[in-house]
Amino acid sequence: MLAVGVCHGTAHQLAASPIEAFSLRGTQLLVKRDDRLALGSGVSGNKARKLLALEAMSPGPSLIGSFGGHQSNAMAALAAVADAHGARFLYFTKPLPRWLAAAPSGNLERALSLGMELVELADAEYASLFGAGGGVLPAVAPRPPAALLPPEALWLPQGGAAALAEPGVATLAREVREWWQPRSGRLDLVVPAGTGTTALFLARHLSQTSAVTVWAVPCVGDGDYIEAQMLALDRCTGGAVGTNRKALPRTLAMPGGAAHHFGALDGEELAMWQEAARAGLDVDLLYAPHALRVLFDTLLSHERAGEGDATTLYLHTGGLEGVESQLRRYRRAGWEAHISDSVCSAATVSAATSMIPPPSAARSASSVTAHGLRRTLATISAVAIGDWPSAVDNSLLRELVPDESGKPPQLSREVRGAHYVSVRPSVPAPAPRLVAYSSEVASSLGLSAETCESDEFLQFFAGKVPEAVPCWATSYGASFAGRYGGQRGDGRAISVGQVNGLEVQLKGAGTTPFSRRFDGRAVLRSSAMHHLGVPTTRALAVVASGDTVQRAWYDSQGRERVGLEPGAVGARVAPSFLRFGQFELFYQRDEPALLRALAEPEAPLSRLLVLLFREVCERQARLVAEWLRVGYCQGNMNSDNSALCGVTLDYGPFGFLERFDPMHCPWVGGGAEYSFGRQPQAAAINLSILSEAWADLLRAVATEEGLTRAEADEAVQQTREGARLAEKSSGAPRKLGLVSWDDDAAELWTSLFGLMATRSGPQGIDFTVFFRSLGDLTNDLPDGGDGLAAARAAAIGGAAEWPQEHLEAWREWAARYWGRVGAEARPDGERRREMAAANPKYILRNWMLAEAYEAAERGDSSAVHALHALLRSPYEEQPSADPRYAQPTPDWARGRPGLAFMS
């Protein structure tokens, strides 16, 4: 390890930052320690590079202006440089939350103490000037009018995305080049990116060093957004990239390519932050945790697998001064106990604990959310099964209303005047056997491998839950394709605690008041959605119970066949299991107090409720888009199977699309309304129903707050507009490998679906195999004119005679597709890589699942473990895997009961 210390600089130059090695996740990670940099003004880290030229100005500016978020690192850095120059600093931002205005903290407190003048603009005015929400890119954001910012002011875009940042980043490029020159091979330089400024200028100044590749990890939005920012900055700073994306840094995103929502409280990122701290690497809590997760799941995963031949160097951009603010957000949301001071550096702990109030303090407006959205934190505080009663933090039980009717807890009945019923597992497994558990999920709960392999764990998750552990089931309503169907509830699921910010349920451990004559036992099923990049509940463990239960299976004509299945108890985990149906039930029953308690409201409410509903809608829209991208059909999209927090909730009659049919539905009772192609419409209907309950709550709140009827109606209308978001969901651009999306691209997508459904020969086209194969193709037209024969052959399981009219239709589509690909002038290798990251190689097909659990029934769990390993990397080529797993469903499984349709 190289020397550690702060690399102080003058106004004209910086000392080279060191490169150190850290042992993290079994890998030696090389880190370029720009966090060790400091200018004379005190500005540190990446901002010391970006603001080097500004601090060196002589004479310096008398007035500086910029814009951005309330807790921006760039804001605090510019305030320090302005103070060093004796200049005024005007900073434009949205209205501060009341709690922050009353007690400024973190970067805001530092900037104000240095004399920053804060200019708060109304949301609409801020958006019109700076394009809030991504409408205007920072590099090209116009300066405010002279009435707000005098003409003599030096204007700097958000995050320092300006030519002024280039000289400092050029010194970084020189340091990297000089360090790498005596070495051999390739170097991957990985840069966390907000505006892409550092990554762009690095690539510009390393362009002649062919052995070095600069990778930008989008920490705000997705790859398309960061590329657009870098292109805009390149144009504004006289670069030569133009529209040639090949000259840009390459983007590095999570498999699946979903956009990253900057600043969101995220359990896996908090865990990554603490894991790095344990390894001696203190990092910020906004950029680095996401960038490190991406790095370990992409470049370093290839390296560990022996597939990479490059050295990886990670750029530590600093920003630790913002840690206290982000920690305060976690703690204000009630998660004080989930942050382990033992893994924080002394400086981080002292800064954080001096600024962060106890969780009983009033939450900020931005954190006023429903139970299902607020608690999204998974922690790594160690938990033993014997400590479970003291480890749980059951906020749901504290804050919601229990059933106090005194009726037997297992009695099937209507439950009124309550959110939940206290009920215990009632059918302990006679001969429990642990089939499988997820070490990742266990780790997020604080459970070690030793704990998971203990008899205590086995007995607990087989249903023998100690009396000291509170258990409960919740009631909710349900609508079926828009028609209200009355009370439902947790019929086979019993919650056994909220631990480290996650709720844990046992499914199949007994009946509840909501079981409706069902036996409350679970069948051995699971899912691989998480590793496909789709928001989902997670499976912690599956315990075979040692007995059997009756289950109905259905063939392709929907005929029922009843058979005995091995019984099991499944343990599943989510930030919350609250559903749309909870709001719907209490709205339909006219129980406004119970409805209101679900939203945890704090005045003023009306605007916050609109924002919260918008968030629910956006999460649902993103979820459905991911379902369509990976070919997942939920099958039973009643409102009670829609989670507030936007995760895939119910894995009953689910299925991945195999032979392409947009009207396919795996549930025998689903029909067209719940078919694969109509999932956006089904989601929109559920959101519309939820909006009715929300509107009722909004009107009541508006009356209390003195809003006019017109103002209340406007708020209600905003919620209804949000409900339409889900209908616009699609993962189409990434699946087709297209950079931009317009009417022509949308028509390509729609016509391709038509071809796959009606011009696919007698066998039909396998959805997953076709799109994966499409990404492997190049436009060299080797097969008579369309270049797609190989993809079609793979997708039907071999060569076949196609009717001439079908081939003509494919040729016409292919000509338009390849024309569009060529017009975008994108490097073909880049297109193919991104398509491989959007189109999985492996999905969980029903026949694979059946083989695994039939083997498990015989006592052989090896197939379950093999599938679990396979589906951890669904986008990767796995030569050692059974080749059948990447092929269309075999003929023997196509019509087999239980595989074609489900109850």
Foldseek 3Di string as FASTA:
>chain_A
DDDDAAFEDELADTDQFDWDWFQFPNDTAIERPQQSYAYPLGQGFQVCLQCSLQLNDVLHAQEAEEEDEQQDSNLLNVLSSCLVNVHAYEYEYADDFPVCVVPPAFSNVNSVVSPHDYDHDHPVVCCVQANPPLHHQQLPRDDDDCVRPNPSYHYATPPRLALSSLVSLLVVLVSVCVVCVVDDAAEEEEEEDDLCRSQFSSLVNCVVVVRYAYEYEDLAFFPLSSLVSSLSSCVRNVHDCNLPCVSGHHYFYAQQGGTHHFLAAAAQLLAQQLSCLQRVHHAASTGPSRSVVRCCRPVVVCVVVVNDDYRYYYYRRHPLSSRLVSVLLCQLLPQVVQRDPVSHDPVSVVSNVVPHDGNVPHHTLVQQFFLQANLNHFGQAADALVCVLVQFDPVVVVQWFEQPPPDPFQAADDGPPGFKYFDAQDAAFPDKDWLDFDQVVCRSLNYHPVRCPDVSVRRVLSRVRDPSFTKIKGKFWKDALQHTDAIAILAQWIWRGQGRLKTKIKFARAGGNRNVPDGSWDADDAFLVVLNVAFAKHWGTKMFRPAWDWFWWQFQVRDTDIDIGGTIIIMIMGSDLDFLRRLLNCLVVVPLVNNVSRSNDDPPRLVSLLVNLLQQLVLQLQNLQLCLLAQKFLQGLIRSQGGSNNHRRDDAQIFGFFQDDQQAHQASPRGSCRGSVNVLVSQLSSQQSSLVSSLVNLVVSCVVVVHDPVVSVVSSVSSNVSSNSNNPHHPQCLLLLHSDDDPLSVVLVVVVSVLQHPQQPPQGFTPQQLSLVNLVWDPPCPDPAQRRQVSSQQRSVHDDDGDPVSVVSNNVSSVSSNVNVVVSVHPSVSSSVSNLSRRFQAGDAPVLVVVQVVCVVVVDSVSVVLVVVCSSNRSDDDVVDDVVRRGRDDPVQNGDINRRHGD
